[in-house]
């Protein structure tokens, strides 16, 4: 089921948008976000809960998701990219995924 959703989401994103893709992955312990240029096949920026400043902080998962969203947005805006397509992959748009997306939007990303 989840693979089906991931393929459907990715297919529809690539069909309607030529923007770079903000892809999110969630493991049991960590949260990862990366922006991918599908035309060149290159990762433009990434952020995760494994970064040194986030590993040291004793925050709960919701706060960490918010920090990852802010970090990825700041890194993209520094590179001059404001418009991305949000690829939630196999996950439903709620919980940690929604928190990450909302914090990236408040930092200035458009999707």
Protein backbone atom coordinates (compact mmCIF):
# COMPACT_ATOMS: atom_id res chain seq x y z
CA UNK A 1 0.00 0.00 0.00
CA UNK A 2 2.61 2.53 0.99
CA UNK A 3 4.77 1.89 -2.10
CA UNK A 4 1.69 2.45 -4.23
CA UNK A 5 1.04 5.80 -2.55
CA UNK A 6 4.67 6.88 -2.93
CA UNK A 7 4.70 6.11 -6.65
CA UNK A 8 1.38 7.88 -7.18
CA UNK A 9 2.46 10.99 -5.28
CA UNK A 10 5.79 11.19 -7.11
CA UNK A 11 4.21 10.58 -10.52
CA UNK A 12 1.64 13.33 -10.04
CA UNK A 13 4.28 15.77 -8.78
CA UNK A 14 6.53 15.24 -11.77
CA UNK A 15 3.58 15.43 -14.16
CA UNK A 16 2.27 18.82 -13.05
CA UNK A 17 5.38 20.58 -11.79
CA UNK A 18 8.89 21.27 -13.04
CA UNK A 19 9.94 22.57 -9.63
CA UNK A 20 12.57 20.93 -7.47
CA UNK A 21 11.15 18.28 -5.15
CA UNK A 22 11.22 18.54 -1.34
CA UNK A 23 11.28 14.87 -0.39
CA UNK A 24 10.64 13.74 3.19
CA UNK A 25 11.63 10.44 4.79
CA UNK A 26 10.69 9.34 8.29
CA UNK A 27 12.32 6.44 10.11
CA UNK A 28 11.39 5.26 13.58
CA UNK A 29 14.02 7.48 15.15
CA UNK A 30 14.85 10.25 12.69
CA UNK A 31 13.43 12.61 10.09
CA UNK A 32 15.14 13.54 6.82
CA UNK A 33 14.34 16.17 4.19
CA UNK A 34 16.13 16.80 0.93
CA UNK A 35 15.50 18.90 -2.13
CA UNK A 36 16.11 17.10 -5.42
CA UNK A 37 16.44 18.53 -8.91
CA UNK A 38 14.93 15.70 -10.98
CA UNK A 39 16.15 17.08 -14.30
CA UNK A 40 19.82 16.96 -13.27
CA UNK A 41 19.38 14.19 -10.70
CA UNK A 42 21.15 16.22 -8.01
CA UNK A 43 20.41 16.87 -4.34
CA UNK A 44 20.39 20.66 -3.84
CA UNK A 45 20.06 20.78 -0.04
CA UNK A 46 19.33 18.45 2.84
CA UNK A 47 18.51 18.54 6.53
CA UNK A 48 17.89 15.87 9.13
CA UNK A 49 17.64 15.20 12.84
CA UNK A 50 21.11 13.61 12.67
CA UNK A 51 22.86 17.01 12.42
CA UNK A 52 25.16 17.86 15.32
CA UNK A 53 23.16 20.78 16.70
CA UNK A 54 19.89 18.79 16.61
CA UNK A 55 21.32 15.56 18.07
CA UNK A 56 22.56 17.46 21.13
CA UNK A 57 19.21 19.15 21.77
CA UNK A 58 16.89 17.19 24.02
CA UNK A 59 13.76 18.17 22.10
CA UNK A 60 10.78 15.98 21.38
CA UNK A 61 10.09 14.74 17.84
CA UNK A 62 7.61 17.50 17.02
CA UNK A 63 10.11 20.24 17.86
CA UNK A 64 12.80 18.42 15.87
CA UNK A 65 10.46 18.19 12.84
CA UNK A 66 9.90 21.94 13.07
CA UNK A 67 13.66 22.60 13.24
CA UNK A 68 14.35 20.36 10.23
CA UNK A 69 11.69 22.25 8.24
CA UNK A 70 13.24 25.60 9.17
CA UNK A 71 16.76 24.39 8.35
CA UNK A 72 15.84 23.09 4.90
CA UNK A 73 13.98 26.32 4.10
CA UNK A 74 16.91 28.51 5.17
CA UNK A 75 19.38 26.49 3.10
CA UNK A 76 17.18 26.71 0.01
CA UNK A 77 16.53 30.42 0.33
CA UNK A 78 20.30 31.00 0.66
CA UNK A 79 20.67 29.24 -2.71
CA UNK A 80 17.93 31.40 -4.23
CA UNK A 81 15.24 28.71 -4.45
CA UNK A 82 11.82 29.62 -3.08
CA UNK A 83 9.48 27.38 -5.07
CA UNK A 84 9.48 23.62 -4.51
CA UNK A 85 7.03 20.74 -4.84
CA UNK A 86 6.35 18.89 -1.58
CA UNK A 87 6.87 15.13 -1.91
CA UNK A 88 5.42 13.46 1.16
CA UNK A 89 6.24 10.05 -0.27
CA UNK A 90 4.45 7.14 1.36
CA UNK A 91 3.35 9.15 4.40
CA UNK A 92 0.01 10.77 5.09
CA UNK A 93 0.05 14.54 5.41
CA UNK A 94 -0.33 14.79 9.18
CA UNK A 95 1.77 14.65 12.31
CA UNK A 96 5.50 15.14 11.85
CA UNK A 97 5.23 15.52 8.06
CA UNK A 98 2.68 18.33 8.43
CA UNK A 99 4.76 20.08 11.12
CA UNK A 100 7.85 19.96 8.89
CA UNK A 101 5.92 21.33 5.90
CA UNK A 102 4.29 24.13 7.91
CA UNK A 103 7.59 25.27 9.42
CA UNK A 104 9.22 25.32 5.97
CA UNK A 105 6.32 27.45 4.69
CA UNK A 106 6.62 29.94 7.57
CA UNK A 107 10.34 30.36 6.73
CA UNK A 108 9.42 31.42 3.19
CA UNK A 109 9.19 28.34 0.96
CA UNK A 110 6.30 28.14 -1.52
CA UNK A 111 4.57 24.82 -2.20
